[in-house]
PDB file of all heavy atoms in Angstrom:
ATOM      1  N   SER A   1      -4.587   3.146   3.792  1.00  0.00           N
ATOM      2  CA  SER A   1      -3.290   2.626   4.257  1.00  0.00           C
ATOM      3  C   SER A   1      -2.879   3.261   5.618  1.00  0.00           C
ATOM      4  O   SER A   1      -2.331   2.643   6.487  1.00  0.00           O
ATOM      5  CB  SER A   1      -2.218   2.754   3.231  1.00  0.00           C
ATOM      6  OG  SER A   1      -2.486   2.011   2.088  1.00  0.00           O
ATOM      7  N   LYS A   2      -3.096   4.548   5.647  1.00  0.00           N
ATOM      8  CA  LYS A   2      -2.756   5.243   6.864  1.00  0.00           C
ATOM      9  C   LYS A   2      -3.586   4.827   8.090  1.00  0.00           C
ATOM     10  O   LYS A   2      -3.061   4.709   9.225  1.00  0.00           O
ATOM     11  CB  LYS A   2      -2.985   6.768   6.679  1.00  0.00           C
ATOM     12  CG  LYS A   2      -2.407   7.597   7.795  1.00  0.00           C
ATOM     13  CD  LYS A   2      -2.544   9.083   7.480  1.00  0.00           C
ATOM     14  CE  LYS A   2      -2.129  10.009   8.628  1.00  0.00           C
ATOM     15  NZ  LYS A   2      -2.281  11.449   8.347  1.00  0.00           N
ATOM     16  N   ALA A   3      -4.857   4.554   7.842  1.00  0.00           N
ATOM     17  CA  ALA A   3      -5.748   4.132   8.909  1.00  0.00           C
ATOM     18  C   ALA A   3      -5.409   2.743   9.397  1.00  0.00           C
ATOM     19  O   ALA A   3      -5.508   2.404  10.654  1.00  0.00           O
ATOM     20  CB  ALA A   3      -7.203   4.201   8.416  1.00  0.00           C
ATOM     21  N   TRP A   4      -4.949   1.857   8.529  1.00  0.00           N
ATOM     22  CA  TRP A   4      -4.667   0.521   8.876  1.00  0.00           C
ATOM     23  C   TRP A   4      -3.225   0.249   9.380  1.00  0.00           C
ATOM     24  O   TRP A   4      -2.951  -0.787   9.921  1.00  0.00           O
ATOM     25  CB  TRP A   4      -4.892  -0.415   7.645  1.00  0.00           C
ATOM     26  CG  TRP A   4      -6.332  -0.523   7.257  1.00  0.00           C
ATOM     27  CD1 TRP A   4      -7.432  -0.401   8.017  1.00  0.00           C
ATOM     28  CD2 TRP A   4      -6.836  -0.778   5.946  1.00  0.00           C
ATOM     29  NE1 TRP A   4      -8.585  -0.592   7.324  1.00  0.00           N
ATOM     30  CE2 TRP A   4      -8.235  -0.733   5.980  1.00  0.00           C
ATOM     31  CE3 TRP A   4      -6.222  -0.972   4.719  1.00  0.00           C
ATOM     32  CZ2 TRP A   4      -9.035  -0.956   4.868  1.00  0.00           C
ATOM     33  CZ3 TRP A   4      -6.952  -1.182   3.632  1.00  0.00           C
ATOM     34  CH2 TRP A   4      -8.343  -1.169   3.698  1.00  0.00           C
ATOM     35  N   TYR A   5      -2.343   1.189   9.264  1.00  0.00           N
ATOM     36  CA  TYR A   5      -0.910   1.006   9.404  1.00  0.00           C
ATOM     37  C   TYR A   5      -0.544   0.417  10.816  1.00  0.00           C
ATOM     38  O   TYR A   5       0.260  -0.489  10.953  1.00  0.00           O
ATOM     39  CB  TYR A   5      -0.166   2.319   9.175  1.00  0.00           C
ATOM     40  CG  TYR A   5       1.284   2.262   9.584  1.00  0.00           C
ATOM     41  CD1 TYR A   5       2.162   1.389   8.976  1.00  0.00           C
ATOM     42  CD2 TYR A   5       1.795   3.111  10.540  1.00  0.00           C
ATOM     43  CE1 TYR A   5       3.486   1.342   9.355  1.00  0.00           C
ATOM     44  CE2 TYR A   5       3.097   3.103  10.875  1.00  0.00           C
ATOM     45  CZ  TYR A   5       3.962   2.170  10.313  1.00  0.00           C
ATOM     46  OH  TYR A   5       5.274   2.144  10.658  1.00  0.00           O
ATOM     47  N   ASP A   6      -1.185   1.006  11.851  1.00  0.00           N
ATOM     48  CA  ASP A   6      -0.800   0.586  13.231  1.00  0.00           C
ATOM     49  C   ASP A   6      -1.387  -0.766  13.630  1.00  0.00           C
ATOM     50  O   ASP A   6      -0.772  -1.410  14.486  1.00  0.00           O
ATOM     51  CB  ASP A   6      -1.314   1.658  14.255  1.00  0.00           C
ATOM     52  CG  ASP A   6      -0.512   2.959  14.081  1.00  0.00           C
ATOM     53  OD1 ASP A   6       0.647   2.901  13.609  1.00  0.00           O
ATOM     54  OD2 ASP A   6      -1.126   4.032  14.396  1.00  0.00           O
ATOM     55  N   GLN A   7      -2.436  -1.244  12.998  1.00  0.00           N
ATOM     56  CA  GLN A   7      -3.104  -2.429  13.432  1.00  0.00           C
ATOM     57  C   GLN A   7      -2.950  -3.618  12.507  1.00  0.00           C
ATOM     58  O   GLN A   7      -3.032  -4.756  12.961  1.00  0.00           O
ATOM     59  CB  GLN A   7      -4.614  -2.113  13.595  1.00  0.00           C
ATOM     60  CG  GLN A   7      -4.960  -1.003  14.520  1.00  0.00           C
ATOM     61  CD  GLN A   7      -4.721  -1.353  15.963  1.00  0.00           C
ATOM     62  OE1 GLN A   7      -4.753  -2.487  16.406  1.00  0.00           O
ATOM     63  NE2 GLN A   7      -4.294  -0.293  16.741  1.00  0.00           N
ATOM     64  N   TYR A   8      -2.673  -3.358  11.260  1.00  0.00           N
ATOM     65  CA  TYR A   8      -2.722  -4.474  10.287  1.00  0.00           C
ATOM     66  C   TYR A   8      -1.490  -4.308   9.316  1.00  0.00           C
ATOM     67  O   TYR A   8      -0.885  -3.258   9.130  1.00  0.00           O
ATOM     68  CB  TYR A   8      -4.005  -4.486   9.444  1.00  0.00           C
ATOM     69  CG  TYR A   8      -5.231  -4.565  10.268  1.00  0.00           C
ATOM     70  CD1 TYR A   8      -5.917  -3.476  10.688  1.00  0.00           C
ATOM     71  CD2 TYR A   8      -5.751  -5.853  10.680  1.00  0.00           C
ATOM     72  CE1 TYR A   8      -7.082  -3.545  11.499  1.00  0.00           C
ATOM     73  CE2 TYR A   8      -6.895  -5.952  11.434  1.00  0.00           C
ATOM     74  CZ  TYR A   8      -7.508  -4.817  11.808  1.00  0.00           C
ATOM     75  OH  TYR A   8      -8.671  -4.877  12.611  1.00  0.00           O
ATOM     76  N   ARG A   9      -1.148  -5.492   8.670  1.00  0.00           N
ATOM     77  CA  ARG A   9      -0.210  -5.503   7.597  1.00  0.00           C
ATOM     78  C   ARG A   9      -0.939  -5.447   6.298  1.00  0.00           C
ATOM     79  O   ARG A   9      -1.826  -6.316   6.103  1.00  0.00           O
ATOM     80  CB  ARG A   9       0.679  -6.807   7.738  1.00  0.00           C
ATOM     81  CG  ARG A   9       1.541  -6.794   8.892  1.00  0.00           C
ATOM     82  CD  ARG A   9       2.631  -5.646   8.939  1.00  0.00           C
ATOM     83  NE  ARG A   9       3.691  -5.904   7.946  1.00  0.00           N
ATOM     84  CZ  ARG A   9       4.473  -4.950   7.536  1.00  0.00           C
ATOM     85  NH1 ARG A   9       4.307  -3.719   7.857  1.00  0.00           N
ATOM     86  NH2 ARG A   9       5.481  -5.211   6.744  1.00  0.00           N
ATOM     87  N   VAL A  10      -0.646  -4.446   5.481  1.00  0.00           N
ATOM     88  CA  VAL A  10      -1.364  -4.292   4.224  1.00  0.00           C
ATOM     89  C   VAL A  10      -0.483  -4.706   3.065  1.00  0.00           C
ATOM     90  O   VAL A  10       0.642  -4.221   2.849  1.00  0.00           O
ATOM     91  CB  VAL A  10      -1.798  -2.789   4.067  1.00  0.00           C
ATOM     92  CG1 VAL A  10      -2.521  -2.622   2.686  1.00  0.00           C
ATOM     93  CG2 VAL A  10      -2.657  -2.314   5.242  1.00  0.00           C
ATOM     94  N   ILE A  11      -0.929  -5.692   2.278  1.00  0.00           N
ATOM     95  CA  ILE A  11      -0.255  -6.159   1.087  1.00  0.00           C
ATOM     96  C   ILE A  11      -1.037  -5.555  -0.087  1.00  0.00           C
ATOM     97  O   ILE A  11      -2.289  -5.752  -0.236  1.00  0.00           O
ATOM     98  CB  ILE A  11      -0.268  -7.696   0.974  1.00  0.00           C
ATOM     99  CG1 ILE A  11       0.534  -8.263   2.104  1.00  0.00           C
ATOM    100  CG2 ILE A  11       0.307  -8.121  -0.380  1.00  0.00           C
ATOM    101  CD1 ILE A  11       0.470  -9.767   2.196  1.00  0.00           C
ATOM    102  N   ARG A  12      -0.347  -4.808  -0.985  1.00  0.00           N
ATOM    103  CA  ARG A  12      -1.005  -4.169  -2.044  1.00  0.00           C
ATOM    104  C   ARG A  12      -0.384  -4.727  -3.421  1.00  0.00           C
ATOM    105  O   ARG A  12       0.724  -4.523  -3.776  1.00  0.00           O
ATOM    106  CB  ARG A  12      -0.729  -2.642  -1.966  1.00  0.00           C
ATOM    107  CG  ARG A  12      -1.675  -1.797  -2.834  1.00  0.00           C
ATOM    108  CD  ARG A  12      -1.532  -0.346  -2.481  1.00  0.00           C
ATOM    109  NE  ARG A  12      -2.183  -0.031  -1.229  1.00  0.00           N
ATOM    110  CZ  ARG A  12      -3.486   0.257  -1.124  1.00  0.00           C
ATOM    111  NH1 ARG A  12      -4.305   0.095  -2.141  1.00  0.00           N
ATOM    112  NH2 ARG A  12      -4.032   0.507   0.066  1.00  0.00           N
ATOM    113  N   LEU A  13      -1.294  -5.476  -4.080  1.00  0.00           N
ATOM    114  CA  LEU A  13      -0.967  -5.944  -5.420  1.00  0.00           C
ATOM    115  C   LEU A  13      -1.323  -4.862  -6.477  1.00  0.00           C
ATOM    116  O   LEU A  13      -2.447  -4.576  -6.684  1.00  0.00           O
ATOM    117  CB  LEU A  13      -1.790  -7.249  -5.685  1.00  0.00           C
ATOM    118  CG  LEU A  13      -1.606  -7.830  -7.099  1.00  0.00           C
ATOM    119  CD1 LEU A  13      -0.173  -8.336  -7.338  1.00  0.00           C
ATOM    120  CD2 LEU A  13      -2.566  -8.998  -7.268  1.00  0.00           C
ATOM    121  N   ARG A  14      -0.274  -4.296  -7.107  1.00  0.00           N
ATOM    122  CA  ARG A  14      -0.475  -3.201  -8.034  1.00  0.00           C
ATOM    123  C   ARG A  14      -0.127  -3.538  -9.396  1.00  0.00           C
ATOM    124  O   ARG A  14       0.809  -4.327  -9.688  1.00  0.00           O
ATOM    125  CB  ARG A  14       0.384  -2.005  -7.514  1.00  0.00           C
ATOM    126  CG  ARG A  14      -0.095  -1.373  -6.250  1.00  0.00           C
ATOM    127  CD  ARG A  14       0.831  -0.208  -5.827  1.00  0.00           C
ATOM    128  NE  ARG A  14       0.978   0.806  -6.800  1.00  0.00           N
ATOM    129  CZ  ARG A  14       0.022   1.771  -6.993  1.00  0.00           C
ATOM    130  NH1 ARG A  14      -1.109   1.798  -6.237  1.00  0.00           N
ATOM    131  NH2 ARG A  14       0.276   2.709  -7.872  1.00  0.00           N
ATOM    132  N   ASP A  15      -0.925  -3.021 -10.366  1.00  0.00           N
ATOM    133  CA  ASP A  15      -0.684  -3.197 -11.814  1.00  0.00           C
ATOM    134  C   ASP A  15       0.626  -2.501 -12.202  1.00  0.00           C
ATOM    135  O   ASP A  15       0.782  -1.423 -11.734  1.00  0.00           O
ATOM    136  CB  ASP A  15      -1.888  -2.712 -12.645  1.00  0.00           C
ATOM    137  CG  ASP A  15      -1.864  -3.250 -13.992  1.00  0.00           C
ATOM    138  OD1 ASP A  15      -0.981  -2.784 -14.811  1.00  0.00           O
ATOM    139  OD2 ASP A  15      -2.586  -4.125 -14.378  1.00  0.00           O
ATOM    140  N   ASP A  16       1.415  -3.105 -13.055  1.00  0.00           N
ATOM    141  CA  ASP A  16       2.681  -2.494 -13.447  1.00  0.00           C
ATOM    142  C   ASP A  16       2.521  -1.287 -14.359  1.00  0.00           C
ATOM    143  O   ASP A  16       3.514  -0.616 -14.558  1.00  0.00           O
ATOM    144  CB  ASP A  16       3.612  -3.570 -14.067  1.00  0.00           C
ATOM    145  CG  ASP A  16       2.980  -4.244 -15.260  1.00  0.00           C
ATOM    146  OD1 ASP A  16       1.870  -3.778 -15.672  1.00  0.00           O
ATOM    147  OD2 ASP A  16       3.524  -5.231 -15.716  1.00  0.00           O
ATOM    148  N   ARG A  17       1.289  -1.015 -14.760  1.00  0.00           N
ATOM    149  CA  ARG A  17       1.118   0.154 -15.602  1.00  0.00           C
ATOM    150  C   ARG A  17       0.724   1.362 -14.850  1.00  0.00           C
ATOM    151  O   ARG A  17       0.554   2.494 -15.405  1.00  0.00           O
ATOM    152  CB  ARG A  17       0.016  -0.149 -16.581  1.00  0.00           C
ATOM    153  CG  ARG A  17       0.449  -1.163 -17.675  1.00  0.00           C
ATOM    154  CD  ARG A  17      -0.690  -1.715 -18.482  1.00  0.00           C
ATOM    155  NE  ARG A  17      -1.644  -2.474 -17.659  1.00  0.00           N
ATOM    156  CZ  ARG A  17      -2.766  -3.063 -18.099  1.00  0.00           C
ATOM    157  NH1 ARG A  17      -3.061  -3.028 -19.361  1.00  0.00           N
ATOM    158  NH2 ARG A  17      -3.502  -3.833 -17.261  1.00  0.00           N
ATOM    159  N   LEU A  18       0.436   1.282 -13.519  1.00  0.00           N
ATOM    160  CA  LEU A  18       0.039   2.341 -12.740  1.00  0.00           C
ATOM    161  C   LEU A  18       1.214   3.362 -12.538  1.00  0.00           C
ATOM    162  O   LEU A  18       2.380   2.970 -12.251  1.00  0.00           O
ATOM    163  CB  LEU A  18      -0.455   1.925 -11.333  1.00  0.00           C
ATOM    164  CG  LEU A  18      -1.681   1.084 -11.308  1.00  0.00           C
ATOM    165  CD1 LEU A  18      -1.977   0.562  -9.925  1.00  0.00           C
ATOM    166  CD2 LEU A  18      -2.892   1.961 -11.840  1.00  0.00           C
ATOM    167  N   GLN A  19       0.854   4.651 -12.642  1.00  0.00           N
ATOM    168  CA  GLN A  19       1.851   5.695 -12.545  1.00  0.00           C
ATOM    169  C   GLN A  19       2.024   6.253 -11.117  1.00  0.00           C
ATOM    170  O   GLN A  19       3.039   6.758 -10.736  1.00  0.00           O
ATOM    171  CB  GLN A  19       1.604   6.889 -13.477  1.00  0.00           C
ATOM    172  CG  GLN A  19       1.501   6.465 -14.983  1.00  0.00           C
ATOM    173  CD  GLN A  19       2.827   5.973 -15.463  1.00  0.00           C
ATOM    174  OE1 GLN A  19       3.807   6.479 -15.250  1.00  0.00           O
ATOM    175  NE2 GLN A  19       2.775   4.940 -16.271  1.00  0.00           N
ATOM    176  N   SER A  20       0.978   6.075 -10.317  1.00  0.00           N
ATOM    177  CA  SER A  20       0.985   6.616  -8.917  1.00  0.00           C
ATOM    178  C   SER A  20       1.799   5.771  -8.032  1.00  0.00           C
ATOM    179  O   SER A  20       2.106   4.591  -8.275  1.00  0.00           O
ATOM    180  CB  SER A  20      -0.451   6.769  -8.432  1.00  0.00           C
ATOM    181  OG  SER A  20      -1.092   5.481  -8.503  1.00  0.00           O
ATOM    182  N   ASP A  21       2.140   6.324  -6.941  1.00  0.00           N
ATOM    183  CA  ASP A  21       2.979   5.641  -5.847  1.00  0.00           C
ATOM    184  C   ASP A  21       2.059   5.146  -4.749  1.00  0.00           C
ATOM    185  O   ASP A  21       1.081   5.797  -4.380  1.00  0.00           O
ATOM    186  CB  ASP A  21       4.052   6.577  -5.291  1.00  0.00           C
ATOM    187  CG  ASP A  21       5.053   6.950  -6.341  1.00  0.00           C
ATOM    188  OD1 ASP A  21       5.359   6.177  -7.167  1.00  0.00           O
ATOM    189  OD2 ASP A  21       5.541   8.155  -6.292  1.00  0.00           O
ATOM    190  N   ALA A  22       2.420   3.932  -4.221  1.00  0.00           N
ATOM    191  CA  ALA A  22       1.696   3.392  -3.089  1.00  0.00           C
ATOM    192  C   ALA A  22       2.228   3.994  -1.800  1.00  0.00           C
ATOM    193  O   ALA A  22       3.259   4.558  -1.763  1.00  0.00           O
ATOM    194  CB  ALA A  22       1.775   1.876  -3.134  1.00  0.00           C
ATOM    195  N   SER A  23       1.463   3.704  -0.703  1.00  0.00           N
ATOM    196  CA  SER A  23       1.908   4.136   0.622  1.00  0.00           C
ATOM    197  C   SER A  23       3.177   3.479   0.977  1.00  0.00           C
ATOM    198  O   SER A  23       3.373   2.297   0.756  1.00  0.00           O
ATOM    199  CB  SER A  23       0.783   3.878   1.696  1.00  0.00           C
ATOM    200  OG  SER A  23       1.265   4.107   2.893  1.00  0.00           O
ATOM    201  N   PRO A  24       4.155   4.224   1.591  1.00  0.00           N
ATOM    202  CA  PRO A  24       5.453   3.606   2.041  1.00  0.00           C
ATOM    203  C   PRO A  24       5.200   2.566   3.116  1.00  0.00           C
ATOM    204  O   PRO A  24       6.130   1.738   3.375  1.00  0.00           O
ATOM    205  CB  PRO A  24       6.229   4.743   2.533  1.00  0.00           C
ATOM    206  CG  PRO A  24       5.279   5.829   2.869  1.00  0.00           C
ATOM    207  CD  PRO A  24       4.137   5.656   1.917  1.00  0.00           C
ATOM    208  N   HIS A  25       4.075   2.524   3.822  1.00  0.00           N
ATOM    209  CA  HIS A  25       3.867   1.574   4.825  1.00  0.00           C
ATOM    210  C   HIS A  25       3.332   0.249   4.370  1.00  0.00           C
ATOM    211  O   HIS A  25       3.364  -0.736   5.071  1.00  0.00           O
ATOM    212  CB  HIS A  25       2.785   2.139   5.852  1.00  0.00           C
ATOM    213  CG  HIS A  25       3.066   3.491   6.343  1.00  0.00           C
ATOM    214  ND1 HIS A  25       4.243   3.778   6.998  1.00  0.00           N
ATOM    215  CD2 HIS A  25       2.381   4.696   6.387  1.00  0.00           C
ATOM    216  CE1 HIS A  25       4.224   5.061   7.344  1.00  0.00           C
ATOM    217  NE2 HIS A  25       3.077   5.631   6.989  1.00  0.00           N
ATOM    218  N   ASP A  26       2.973   0.121   3.072  1.00  0.00           N
ATOM    219  CA  ASP A  26       2.378  -1.101   2.504  1.00  0.00           C
ATOM    220  C   ASP A  26       3.545  -2.016   1.969  1.00  0.00           C
ATOM    221  O   ASP A  26       4.572  -1.623   1.606  1.00  0.00           O
ATOM    222  CB  ASP A  26       1.485  -0.795   1.351  1.00  0.00           C
ATOM    223  CG  ASP A  26       0.258   0.032   1.815  1.00  0.00           C
ATOM    224  OD1 ASP A  26       0.020   0.097   3.016  1.00  0.00           O
ATOM    225  OD2 ASP A  26      -0.386   0.613   0.966  1.00  0.00           O
ATOM    226  N   ILE A  27       3.142  -3.317   1.968  1.00  0.00           N
ATOM    227  CA  ILE A  27       4.004  -4.305   1.340  1.00  0.00           C
ATOM    228  C   ILE A  27       3.546  -4.374  -0.136  1.00  0.00           C
ATOM    229  O   ILE A  27       2.418  -4.832  -0.451  1.00  0.00           O
ATOM    230  CB  ILE A  27       3.854  -5.720   1.923  1.00  0.00           C
ATOM    231  CG1 ILE A  27       4.223  -5.587   3.411  1.00  0.00           C
ATOM    232  CG2 ILE A  27       4.713  -6.730   1.309  1.00  0.00           C
ATOM    233  CD1 ILE A  27       3.836  -6.890   4.247  1.00  0.00           C
TER     234      ILE A  27
END
C-alpha cells in the first residue's frame, strides 16, 4: 500500500473477521 500510494488508488476488500488494521491510504 505504501509503494502504490502516490501512483494508484488501492481498494482493499477485507473480511469482517480480520483483527489487523489496513493502511490509512487505502479505500
